[in-house]
Amino acid sequence: MDTEHDVDARLTELEIKASFAEDLVEQLNQIVIRQQEQIDLLMRELVELKRQAPAEGGPAFRSLRDELPPHY
């Protein structure tokens, strides 16, 4: 009888651990999905920034000194 009780206790413990593991896997899956959405968004923004960048051969950046205020 004592052995049967030990087996039941071990089985219950394993079921509890499996349940926690399933919850953790689901949480990690949601994090991965969210991170992939962020990566996709950043990639679209990068493509847009590259599209807006000046063509090769042009100035790589604009200086504020190149832009004179209207009163000059």
Protein backbone atom coordinates (compact mmCIF):
# COMPACT_ATOMS: atom_id res chain seq x y z
CA MET A 1 0.00 0.00 0.00
CA ASP A 2 2.80 2.41 0.83
CA THR A 3 4.35 1.85 -2.60
CA GLU A 4 1.05 2.65 -4.30
CA HIS A 5 0.85 5.91 -2.33
CA ASP A 6 4.43 6.81 -3.36
CA VAL A 7 3.63 6.16 -7.01
CA ASP A 8 0.49 8.33 -6.78
CA ALA A 9 2.46 11.12 -5.13
CA ARG A 10 5.19 10.94 -7.77
CA LEU A 11 2.61 10.90 -10.55
CA THR A 12 0.86 13.93 -9.08
CA GLU A 13 4.19 15.75 -8.80
CA LEU A 14 5.00 14.97 -12.43
CA GLU A 15 1.58 16.19 -13.55
CA ILE A 16 2.11 19.45 -11.70
CA LYS A 17 5.55 19.91 -13.25
CA ALA A 18 4.17 19.13 -16.72
CA SER A 19 1.43 21.71 -16.23
CA PHE A 20 3.95 24.39 -15.25
CA ALA A 21 6.14 23.43 -18.20
CA GLU A 22 3.20 23.78 -20.59
CA ASP A 23 2.41 27.22 -19.19
CA LEU A 24 6.04 28.28 -19.55
CA VAL A 25 6.22 27.06 -23.14
CA GLU A 26 3.07 29.00 -23.99
CA GLN A 27 4.46 32.18 -22.39
CA LEU A 28 7.73 31.78 -24.28
CA ASN A 29 5.83 31.20 -27.50
CA GLN A 30 3.91 34.45 -27.01
CA ILE A 31 7.18 36.30 -26.38
CA VAL A 32 8.68 34.88 -29.57
CA ILE A 33 5.59 35.91 -31.55
CA ARG A 34 5.75 39.45 -30.12
CA GLN A 35 9.48 39.73 -30.84
CA GLN A 36 8.98 38.56 -34.42
CA GLU A 37 6.30 41.22 -34.91
CA GLN A 38 8.74 43.84 -33.58
CA ILE A 39 11.48 42.56 -35.90
CA ASP A 40 9.11 42.72 -38.88
CA LEU A 41 8.14 46.28 -37.98
CA LEU A 42 11.78 47.33 -37.62
CA MET A 43 12.64 45.74 -40.96
CA ARG A 44 9.83 47.68 -42.67
CA GLU A 45 11.05 50.90 -41.04
CA LEU A 46 14.61 50.18 -42.16
CA VAL A 47 13.48 49.62 -45.75
CA GLU A 48 11.55 52.90 -45.62
CA LEU A 49 14.56 54.78 -44.22
CA LYS A 50 16.80 53.33 -46.91
CA ARG A 51 14.28 54.39 -49.53
CA GLN A 52 14.28 57.94 -48.16
CA ALA A 53 18.09 58.12 -47.94
CA PRO A 54 19.89 60.11 -50.65
CA ALA A 55 21.26 58.20 -53.61
CA GLU A 56 24.86 57.06 -53.51
CA GLY A 57 27.32 59.81 -54.34
CA GLY A 58 25.23 62.43 -52.57
CA PRO A 59 25.93 63.73 -49.09
CA ALA A 60 25.48 61.03 -46.49
CA PHE A 61 24.10 63.50 -43.96
CA ARG A 62 22.76 67.03 -43.80
CA SER A 63 24.36 69.55 -41.56
CA LEU A 64 22.37 72.27 -39.85
CA ARG A 65 24.97 74.70 -41.16
CA ASP A 66 23.80 73.91 -44.69
CA GLU A 67 20.33 75.15 -43.79
CA LEU A 68 20.36 78.88 -43.25
CA PRO A 69 17.42 80.44 -41.45
CA PRO A 70 15.06 82.53 -43.62
CA HIS A 71 16.40 85.88 -42.37
CA TYR A 72 19.86 85.34 -43.96
